[in-house]
Protein backbone atom coordinates (compact mmCIF):
# COMPACT_ATOMS: atom_id res chain seq x y z
CA MET A 1 30.18 50.55 32.02
CA MET A 2 27.34 52.14 33.93
CA GLU A 3 24.76 50.63 31.55
CA GLU A 4 26.19 47.14 31.98
CA GLU A 5 26.09 47.40 35.78
CA ARG A 6 22.51 48.68 35.62
CA TYR A 7 21.55 45.72 33.38
CA TRP A 8 22.98 43.13 35.76
CA GLU A 9 21.43 44.89 38.76
CA GLU A 10 17.96 44.79 37.20
CA ARG A 11 18.38 41.14 36.23
CA ARG A 12 19.43 40.20 39.77
CA ARG A 13 16.45 42.07 41.21
CA TYR A 14 14.10 40.31 38.78
CA GLU A 15 15.43 36.89 39.75
CA GLU A 16 15.08 37.68 43.45
CA GLU A 17 11.48 38.81 43.04
CA MET A 18 10.70 35.76 40.92
CA GLU A 19 12.12 33.42 43.55
CA PHE A 20 10.27 35.27 46.33
CA TRP A 21 6.88 34.94 44.69
CA GLN A 22 7.48 31.31 43.71
CA ASN A 23 8.33 30.42 47.29
CA ARG A 24 5.25 32.25 48.53
CA MET A 25 2.69 31.05 45.98
CA GLY A 26 4.23 27.71 45.11
CA ARG A 27 5.56 26.51 41.80
CA GLY A 28 3.10 25.55 39.10
CA GLY A 29 2.35 21.90 38.57
CA PRO A 30 3.25 19.95 35.46
CA PHE A 31 1.26 20.58 32.30
CA THR A 32 -1.53 18.02 32.08
CA GLY A 33 -2.97 18.96 28.72
CA PRO A 34 -6.41 20.31 27.90
CA PRO A 35 -9.29 19.25 30.17
CA MET A 36 -11.67 16.53 29.10
CA PRO A 37 -14.80 17.83 27.40
CA MET A 38 -17.71 17.94 29.81
CA ARG A 39 -21.22 17.03 28.82
CA ARG A 40 -23.45 20.03 28.69
CA PRO A 41 -26.59 20.12 30.84
CA ASP A 42 -29.67 18.31 29.58
CA THR A 43 -31.41 20.29 26.87
CA SER A 44 -35.11 20.39 26.07
CA ASP A 45 -34.58 17.77 23.35
CA ASP A 46 -32.81 15.49 25.81
CA ARG A 47 -35.67 15.74 28.28
CA HIS A 48 -38.26 14.95 25.61
CA VAL A 49 -36.28 11.96 24.29
CA MET A 50 -35.77 10.51 27.76
CA ALA A 51 -39.44 11.04 28.65
CA LYS A 52 -40.49 9.24 25.46
CA HIS A 53 -38.02 6.45 26.16
CA ALA A 54 -39.44 5.97 29.65
CA SER A 55 -42.95 5.64 28.20
CA ILE A 56 -41.99 2.92 25.67
CA TYR A 57 -39.62 0.95 27.92
CA PRO A 58 -41.17 -2.35 29.15
CA ASN A 59 -42.38 -2.38 32.73
CA GLU A 60 -41.20 -4.81 35.38
CA GLN A 61 -44.07 -7.25 34.84
CA GLU A 62 -43.36 -7.49 31.11
CA LEU A 63 -39.64 -8.00 31.68
CA GLN A 64 -40.31 -10.81 34.14
CA ALA A 65 -42.72 -12.47 31.71
CA VAL A 66 -40.13 -12.38 28.92
CA GLN A 67 -37.42 -13.71 31.21
CA SER A 68 -39.71 -16.53 32.33
CA ILE A 69 -40.66 -17.75 28.86
CA VAL A 70 -37.09 -17.47 27.55
CA SER A 71 -35.50 -19.36 30.44
CA THR A 72 -38.21 -22.03 30.24
CA CYS A 73 -37.67 -22.53 26.51
CA GLU A 74 -33.90 -22.69 26.89
CA LYS A 75 -34.03 -25.31 29.65
CA ALA A 76 -36.67 -27.34 27.84
CA LEU A 77 -34.71 -27.29 24.57
CA LYS A 78 -31.66 -28.60 26.42
CA LEU A 79 -33.74 -31.52 27.71
CA VAL A 80 -35.16 -32.05 24.21
CA SER A 81 -31.62 -32.24 22.83
CA ASP A 82 -30.69 -34.85 25.43
CA ALA A 83 -33.82 -36.90 24.73
CA ILE A 84 -33.27 -36.89 20.96
CA ALA A 85 -29.59 -37.77 21.39
CA GLU A 86 -30.45 -40.73 23.63
CA SER A 87 -33.08 -42.03 21.23
CA ASP A 88 -30.84 -41.65 18.18
CA ASN A 89 -27.60 -42.99 19.71
CA PRO A 90 -28.17 -45.75 22.29
CA ARG A 91 -24.82 -46.78 23.81
CA PRO A 92 -25.05 -50.09 25.72
CA ALA A 93 -21.45 -51.00 24.90
CA GLU A 94 -20.23 -47.82 26.49
CA ALA A 95 -22.16 -48.64 29.66
CA GLU A 96 -20.32 -51.99 29.91
CA LYS A 97 -17.07 -50.19 29.39
CA LEU A 98 -17.83 -47.87 32.29
CA ILE A 99 -18.56 -50.86 34.55
CA LYS A 100 -15.20 -52.39 33.71
CA THR A 101 -13.36 -49.16 34.37
CA GLU A 102 -14.97 -48.83 37.80
CA LYS A 103 -13.33 -52.11 38.84
CA LYS A 104 -9.90 -50.76 38.02
CA ASP A 105 -9.23 -47.74 40.20
CA GLU A 106 -5.73 -47.26 38.87
CA LYS A 107 -6.87 -46.75 35.27
CA GLU A 108 -9.65 -44.22 35.89
CA ALA A 109 -7.69 -41.30 34.48
CA GLU A 110 -6.74 -43.24 31.36
CA ALA A 111 -10.35 -44.30 30.87
CA LYS A 112 -11.51 -40.67 31.04
CA GLU A 113 -8.91 -39.64 28.49
CA GLY A 114 -10.01 -42.50 26.27
CA ASP A 115 -13.64 -41.38 26.51
CA LYS A 116 -12.69 -37.85 25.48
CA GLU A 117 -10.81 -39.18 22.50
CA ASP A 118 -13.75 -41.33 21.49
CA ASP A 119 -16.27 -38.46 21.66
CA PRO A 120 -15.44 -37.05 18.19
CA ASN A 121 -16.05 -40.47 16.67
CA GLN A 122 -19.55 -40.63 18.08
CA PRO A 123 -22.46 -39.23 16.03
CA PRO A 124 -23.03 -35.54 16.82
CA ARG A 125 -26.13 -34.29 18.56
CA ALA A 126 -29.03 -33.30 16.35
CA LEU A 127 -29.51 -30.10 18.40
CA LYS A 128 -26.19 -28.51 19.30
CA GLY A 129 -27.20 -25.32 21.09
CA VAL A 130 -29.68 -22.49 21.51
CA MET A 131 -28.85 -18.78 21.09
CA ARG A 132 -30.73 -15.54 21.74
CA VAL A 133 -31.14 -13.21 18.76
CA GLY A 134 -33.10 -10.14 17.72
CA VAL A 135 -34.40 -7.59 20.19
CA LEU A 136 -33.93 -10.05 23.04
CA ALA A 137 -30.16 -10.28 22.58
CA LYS A 138 -29.80 -6.56 21.83
CA GLY A 139 -31.99 -5.28 24.68
CA LEU A 140 -34.41 -3.39 22.40
CA LEU A 141 -37.78 -4.59 23.70
CA LEU A 142 -40.71 -2.18 23.51
CA ARG A 143 -43.66 -1.94 25.85
CA GLY A 144 -46.55 -4.06 24.61
CA ASN A 145 -44.41 -5.83 21.98
CA LEU A 146 -43.09 -8.94 23.71
CA ASN A 147 -42.13 -11.10 20.72
CA VAL A 148 -38.67 -12.63 21.13
CA GLN A 149 -36.61 -15.06 19.06
CA LEU A 150 -34.36 -18.03 19.79
CA VAL A 151 -32.21 -19.91 17.27
CA VAL A 152 -31.37 -23.61 17.63
CA LEU A 153 -28.23 -24.76 15.82
CA CYS A 154 -28.40 -28.24 14.29
CA SER A 155 -25.56 -30.51 13.24
CA GLU A 156 -27.21 -31.24 9.90
CA LYS A 157 -29.64 -29.36 7.72
CA PRO A 158 -32.90 -29.12 9.65
CA THR A 159 -35.83 -31.04 8.23
CA ARG A 160 -39.55 -31.09 8.81
CA THR A 161 -39.20 -34.47 10.51
CA LEU A 162 -36.76 -33.03 13.06
CA LEU A 163 -38.99 -30.02 13.59
CA GLU A 164 -41.98 -32.26 14.33
CA ARG A 165 -39.93 -34.35 16.76
CA VAL A 166 -38.89 -31.24 18.65
CA ALA A 167 -42.47 -29.95 18.70
CA ASP A 168 -43.71 -33.28 20.11
CA VAL A 169 -41.14 -33.52 22.91
CA LEU A 170 -40.99 -29.83 23.84
CA PRO A 171 -44.35 -29.55 25.70
CA LYS A 172 -43.48 -32.54 27.91
CA GLN A 173 -40.10 -31.09 28.82
CA MET A 174 -41.57 -27.65 29.48
CA ALA A 175 -44.02 -29.23 31.93
CA THR A 176 -41.09 -30.64 33.90
CA VAL A 177 -39.33 -27.27 33.98
CA THR A 178 -42.20 -25.00 35.08
CA ASP A 179 -45.81 -25.11 36.23
CA GLU A 180 -46.87 -22.27 33.94
CA LYS A 181 -48.98 -23.12 30.91
CA TYR A 182 -47.61 -22.45 27.43
CA GLU A 183 -49.03 -23.17 24.00
CA VAL A 184 -46.66 -24.80 21.50
CA LYS A 185 -47.44 -24.44 17.81
CA ILE A 186 -45.39 -25.73 14.89
CA CYS A 187 -44.84 -23.39 11.94
CA VAL A 188 -43.14 -25.09 9.00
CA GLU A 189 -43.29 -21.95 6.84
CA GLU A 190 -41.14 -20.10 9.40
CA ALA A 191 -38.87 -23.13 9.97
CA GLY A 192 -39.59 -23.02 13.66
CA ILE A 193 -41.88 -23.41 16.64
CA ILE A 194 -43.96 -20.68 18.27
CA VAL A 195 -44.35 -20.81 22.05
CA SER A 196 -47.03 -18.52 23.51
CA SER A 197 -47.96 -17.76 27.10
CA ALA A 198 -51.48 -18.42 28.31
CA SER A 199 -51.50 -15.60 30.87
CA GLU A 200 -51.08 -11.84 30.76
CA PRO A 201 -48.96 -10.14 29.56
CA GLU A 202 -48.94 -12.02 26.27
CA THR A 203 -45.44 -13.14 25.33
CA THR A 204 -44.34 -15.10 22.28
CA CYS A 205 -41.07 -16.92 21.71
CA THR A 206 -40.23 -18.09 18.19
CA VAL A 207 -37.71 -20.95 18.05
CA THR A 208 -36.08 -21.29 14.61
CA LEU A 209 -34.01 -24.28 13.51
CA THR A 210 -30.96 -23.69 11.35
CA SER A 211 -27.48 -25.02 10.65
CA PRO A 212 -24.18 -23.46 9.54
CA ILE A 213 -24.16 -25.97 6.68
CA MET A 214 -26.98 -24.02 5.03
CA ARG A 215 -24.57 -21.15 4.32
CA GLU A 216 -21.79 -23.25 2.82
CA ASN A 217 -21.57 -22.97 -0.95
CA ALA A 218 -19.92 -25.52 -3.18
CA PRO A 219 -16.91 -24.24 -5.20
CA GLU A 220 -17.47 -23.43 -8.84
CA GLY A 221 -17.19 -26.42 -11.12
CA GLU A 222 -17.96 -28.94 -8.35
CA THR A 223 -21.23 -30.70 -7.72
CA VAL A 224 -22.65 -31.56 -4.34
CA SER A 225 -22.30 -35.30 -3.78
CA VAL A 226 -24.70 -35.47 -0.82
CA LYS A 227 -28.28 -34.66 -1.69
CA ASP A 228 -30.44 -32.65 0.66
CA PRO A 229 -33.27 -34.45 2.45
CA PRO A 230 -36.60 -34.14 0.65
CA ASP A 231 -38.26 -32.39 3.59
CA VAL A 232 -35.52 -29.88 4.35
CA LEU A 233 -36.80 -26.60 5.79
CA ASP A 234 -36.92 -23.32 3.91
CA ARG A 235 -33.35 -22.32 3.11
CA GLN A 236 -33.99 -18.57 3.23
CA LYS A 237 -35.52 -18.79 6.71
CA CYS A 238 -32.49 -20.72 7.92
CA LEU A 239 -30.13 -18.18 6.36
CA ASP A 240 -32.05 -15.35 8.02
CA ALA A 241 -31.61 -17.07 11.38
CA LEU A 242 -27.85 -17.34 10.82
CA ALA A 243 -27.75 -13.66 9.86
CA ALA A 244 -29.62 -12.81 13.06
CA LEU A 245 -26.88 -14.58 15.03
CA ARG A 246 -24.20 -12.48 13.34
CA HIS A 247 -26.20 -9.29 13.89
CA ALA A 248 -26.58 -10.01 17.60
CA LYS A 249 -22.84 -10.59 18.04
CA TRP A 250 -21.99 -7.41 16.12
CA PHE A 251 -24.47 -5.34 18.12
CA GLN A 252 -23.16 -6.56 21.46
CA ALA A 253 -19.60 -5.74 20.43
CA ARG A 254 -20.18 -2.34 18.79
CA ALA A 255 -23.42 -0.69 19.88
CA ASN A 256 -24.12 -1.78 23.46
CA GLY A 257 -21.23 0.23 24.86
CA LEU A 258 -22.17 3.51 23.16
CA GLN A 259 -23.93 6.14 25.20
CA SER A 260 -27.44 6.95 23.94
CA CYS A 261 -27.23 4.38 21.10
CA VAL A 262 -29.69 1.84 22.54
CA ILE A 263 -32.03 4.66 23.57
CA ILE A 264 -32.08 6.14 20.07
CA ILE A 265 -32.65 2.78 18.40
CA ARG A 266 -35.60 2.09 20.69
CA ILE A 267 -37.02 5.55 19.84
CA LEU A 268 -36.63 4.84 16.12
CA ARG A 269 -38.27 1.42 16.45
CA ASP A 270 -41.27 3.13 18.02
CA LEU A 271 -41.25 5.65 15.15
CA CYS A 272 -41.34 2.83 12.59
CA GLN A 273 -44.40 1.38 14.32
CA ARG A 274 -46.27 4.70 14.61
CA VAL A 275 -45.58 6.29 11.22
CA PRO A 276 -46.52 4.23 8.12
CA THR A 277 -43.83 5.98 6.07
CA TRP A 278 -41.11 4.45 8.24
CA ALA A 279 -42.67 0.98 8.45
CA PRO A 280 -40.66 -0.48 5.49
CA MET A 281 -37.37 0.55 7.15
CA ASN A 282 -35.28 -2.50 8.01
CA GLU A 283 -34.45 -2.75 11.71
CA TRP A 284 -30.93 -3.96 10.97
CA ALA A 285 -30.31 -0.97 8.68
CA MET A 286 -31.62 1.37 11.39
CA GLU A 287 -29.27 -0.18 13.95
CA LEU A 288 -26.27 0.17 11.63
CA LEU A 289 -27.11 3.79 10.87
CA SER A 290 -27.63 4.70 14.53
CA GLU A 291 -24.38 3.10 15.62
CA LYS A 292 -22.40 4.92 12.95
CA CYS A 293 -23.99 8.29 13.77
CA VAL A 294 -23.48 7.98 17.53
CA SER A 295 -19.95 6.55 17.37
CA SER A 296 -18.75 9.35 15.07
CA GLY A 297 -20.33 12.14 17.12
CA GLY A 298 -18.06 12.17 20.17
CA PRO A 299 -18.36 10.77 23.70
CA ALA A 300 -20.32 13.69 25.21
CA MET A 301 -23.32 13.51 22.84
CA GLY A 302 -26.72 13.57 24.51
CA PRO A 303 -29.77 11.61 23.32
CA GLY A 304 -31.33 14.69 21.73
CA ASP A 305 -28.25 15.42 19.64
CA ALA A 306 -27.90 11.73 18.73
CA LEU A 307 -31.47 11.58 17.41
CA ARG A 308 -31.00 14.80 15.45
CA ARG A 309 -27.76 13.41 13.99
CA VAL A 310 -29.54 10.29 12.72
CA PHE A 311 -32.23 12.41 11.03
CA GLU A 312 -29.52 14.60 9.51
CA CYS A 313 -27.82 11.55 8.02
CA ILE A 314 -31.04 10.21 6.49
CA ALA A 315 -32.10 13.69 5.31
CA SER A 316 -28.77 14.09 3.49
CA GLY A 317 -29.83 11.37 1.05
CA ILE A 318 -27.86 8.34 2.20
CA LEU A 319 -30.81 6.07 1.35
CA LEU A 320 -31.72 7.66 -1.99
CA PRO A 321 -31.10 5.72 -5.22
CA GLY A 322 -27.52 6.29 -6.28
CA GLY A 323 -26.45 7.20 -2.75
CA PRO A 324 -23.69 5.54 -0.72
CA GLY A 325 -26.08 3.11 1.00
CA LEU A 326 -25.39 1.10 4.15
CA LEU A 327 -22.67 -1.55 3.92
CA ASP A 328 -23.55 -4.68 5.88
CA PRO A 329 -20.49 -5.63 7.98
CA CYS A 330 -21.83 -9.14 8.65
CA GLU A 331 -21.85 -10.34 5.04
CA LYS A 332 -18.98 -11.70 2.99
CA GLU A 333 -19.99 -9.93 -0.20
CA PRO A 334 -20.69 -6.15 -0.35
CA THR A 335 -24.36 -5.90 0.59
CA ASP A 336 -26.65 -2.93 1.16
CA ALA A 337 -28.43 -3.38 4.50
CA ALA A 338 -31.34 -1.28 3.20
CA GLY A 339 -31.52 -3.08 -0.13
CA SER A 340 -35.10 -4.23 0.43
CA LEU A 341 -36.44 -0.65 0.15
CA THR A 342 -37.99 0.48 -3.12
CA ASN A 343 -37.09 3.80 -4.72
CA GLN A 344 -40.40 5.36 -3.65
CA GLU A 345 -39.93 4.18 -0.05
CA ARG A 346 -36.42 5.64 0.01
CA GLU A 347 -37.70 9.02 -1.17
CA ASP A 348 -40.58 9.01 1.33
CA ILE A 349 -38.30 8.19 4.27
CA THR A 350 -35.81 10.87 3.21
CA ALA A 351 -38.57 13.49 2.94
CA SER A 352 -39.97 12.47 6.32
CA ALA A 353 -36.52 12.79 7.91
CA GLN A 354 -36.13 16.28 6.43
CA HIS A 355 -39.51 17.29 7.86
CA ALA A 356 -38.57 15.87 11.28
CA LEU A 357 -35.30 17.80 11.16
CA ARG A 358 -37.18 21.05 10.55
CA LEU A 359 -39.48 20.33 13.49
CA ILE A 360 -36.48 19.71 15.75
CA ALA A 361 -34.87 22.96 14.59
CA PHE A 362 -38.01 24.88 15.59
CA ARG A 363 -38.17 23.22 19.04
CA GLN A 364 -41.05 20.93 18.18
CA ILE A 365 -39.39 17.59 18.79
CA HIS A 366 -42.47 16.45 20.72
CA LYS A 367 -44.33 16.24 17.39
CA VAL A 368 -41.64 13.95 16.02
CA LEU A 369 -41.80 11.72 19.10
CA GLY A 370 -45.60 11.65 19.18
CA MET A 371 -45.98 13.03 22.70
CA ASP A 372 -47.18 16.13 24.52
CA GLN A 373 -44.76 18.98 25.02
CA LEU A 374 -43.10 18.98 28.42
CA PRO A 375 -43.35 22.10 30.59
CA ALA A 376 -40.24 24.21 30.93
CA PRO A 377 -38.15 23.37 34.01
CA ARG A 378 -38.38 25.74 36.95
CA PHE A 379 -35.01 27.02 38.10
CA GLN A 380 -34.62 28.38 41.64
CA ARG A 381 -33.34 31.91 41.60
CA ARG A 382 -30.43 32.81 43.78
CA PRO A 383 -31.08 35.24 46.68
CA PHE A 384 -28.63 37.83 45.45
CA GLY A 385 -30.27 37.94 42.03
CA ASN A 386 -33.74 39.03 43.16
CA ARG A 387 -33.01 42.75 43.55
CA LYS A 388 -33.70 44.94 40.52
CA ARG A 389 -31.57 47.89 39.56
CA ARG A 390 -33.37 51.20 40.01
CA ARG A 391 -33.53 53.59 37.12
CA THR A 392 -32.31 57.07 38.12
CA ASN A 393 -31.92 60.32 36.24
CA SER A 394 -29.22 62.93 36.60
CA THR A 395 -31.01 64.78 39.41
CA GLY A 396 -31.75 61.65 41.43
CA GLU A 397 -35.51 62.27 41.42
CA GLY A 398 -36.30 58.89 39.91
CA GLU A 399 -35.54 56.97 43.10
CA ALA A 400 -37.85 59.06 45.24
CA ASN A 401 -40.66 58.96 42.72
CA GLU A 402 -40.31 55.21 42.25
CA GLY A 403 -40.33 54.65 45.97
CA ASP A 404 -43.46 56.74 46.40
CA GLY A 405 -45.13 54.88 43.57
CA LYS A 406 -44.40 51.51 45.16
CA LYS A 407 -45.66 52.76 48.50
CA ASP A 408 -48.89 54.02 46.96
CA LYS A 409 -49.32 50.73 45.13
CA LYS A 410 -48.99 48.72 48.31
CA GLU A 411 -51.50 50.95 50.07
CA GLY A 412 -53.92 50.49 47.15
CA GLU A 413 -53.50 46.72 47.31
CA GLY A 414 -54.23 46.80 51.02
CA GLU A 415 -57.44 48.71 50.40
CA THR A 416 -58.64 46.23 47.77
CA MET A 417 -57.93 43.25 50.01
CA GLU A 418 -59.82 44.98 52.87
CA THR A 419 -62.83 45.71 50.68
CA GLY A 420 -62.78 42.15 49.49
CA ASP A 421 -62.81 40.89 53.06
CA ASN A 422 -65.62 43.24 54.05
CA ALA A 423 -67.66 42.12 51.10
């Protein structure tokens, strides 16, 4: 009986103390789960990568020059499309129809609807639209390398005749758009037109003609009833332009939003230009590899870790013959994005990545980036951390001796400074 009363008394006292401290300190809030991972401070590798990126990023003058030539070409190509459409499809009957509809105010809406319904029956435009591709659409320009690409979509398979017509009309339309001087050169081998600036910095815009019809394949067992024009442009160049369109859309949807991804790809593009071993590496394969490495590494990955992760992936042998390879997500059939590399080139790139990984491990990333080593950052010491702990022995004589030594040292310094002044 006594034990039971003691038990209930202790339990009551425990509950009272618990309630007292909860009222005083406040009840704990709801459980919110583990905190979000925070990005660690910038490491030495991060500082080197960002410094290298700043040195290869185009300056303001180069960016304005690229924007000027691209906007001029886009506006001029729109005027060229209108001019070719007017010359190919004159519509005097439609003009008379518009005059009749103006006399009848009540039937204006019906006339507009009728025009919209008649549009599909009219012959399509020869030039349907212009799109940005390559480094221009992906935002991967490098300083001193201002070569950009535009792709013009055609309603039919582009021919040499159409290319010459565009090249003849384009300079006139560019003169109406801007006062700047540009040189227009036709390049049939590249299935396009090359527009170059006459002033510094030198910028080049390559306009390639293509059509979605070039990619369509006839089913097995059927023959194509319509023959291609005799002067149709190079089919492979047109297919490459269509692939560049798909690559630009994929990059904007998958890689542009990743932290450090665009920075790393620009660093690797510079590496491919500096080191001959990396020159055969396909830019599209490099972009695919970088996106996969960065997206699988977590949201708090810095640029230094992202670059090291890409080298780790290549050093593991992903490009070697018999390896997994890089699946191209923009192709219907399973295709290796790095399929153009030879076996020797694959081995050389893998060995170079392994060497770069060793340099990074030994804090020599500046050799990989081709730059001078940055000085170590200077941290400001806190005031309370300046004092040193004195070393004392059991008798306490160390403090007195150390103090006398410091005093003697200061007096000696004063004597040397005085002798120096007297001299």
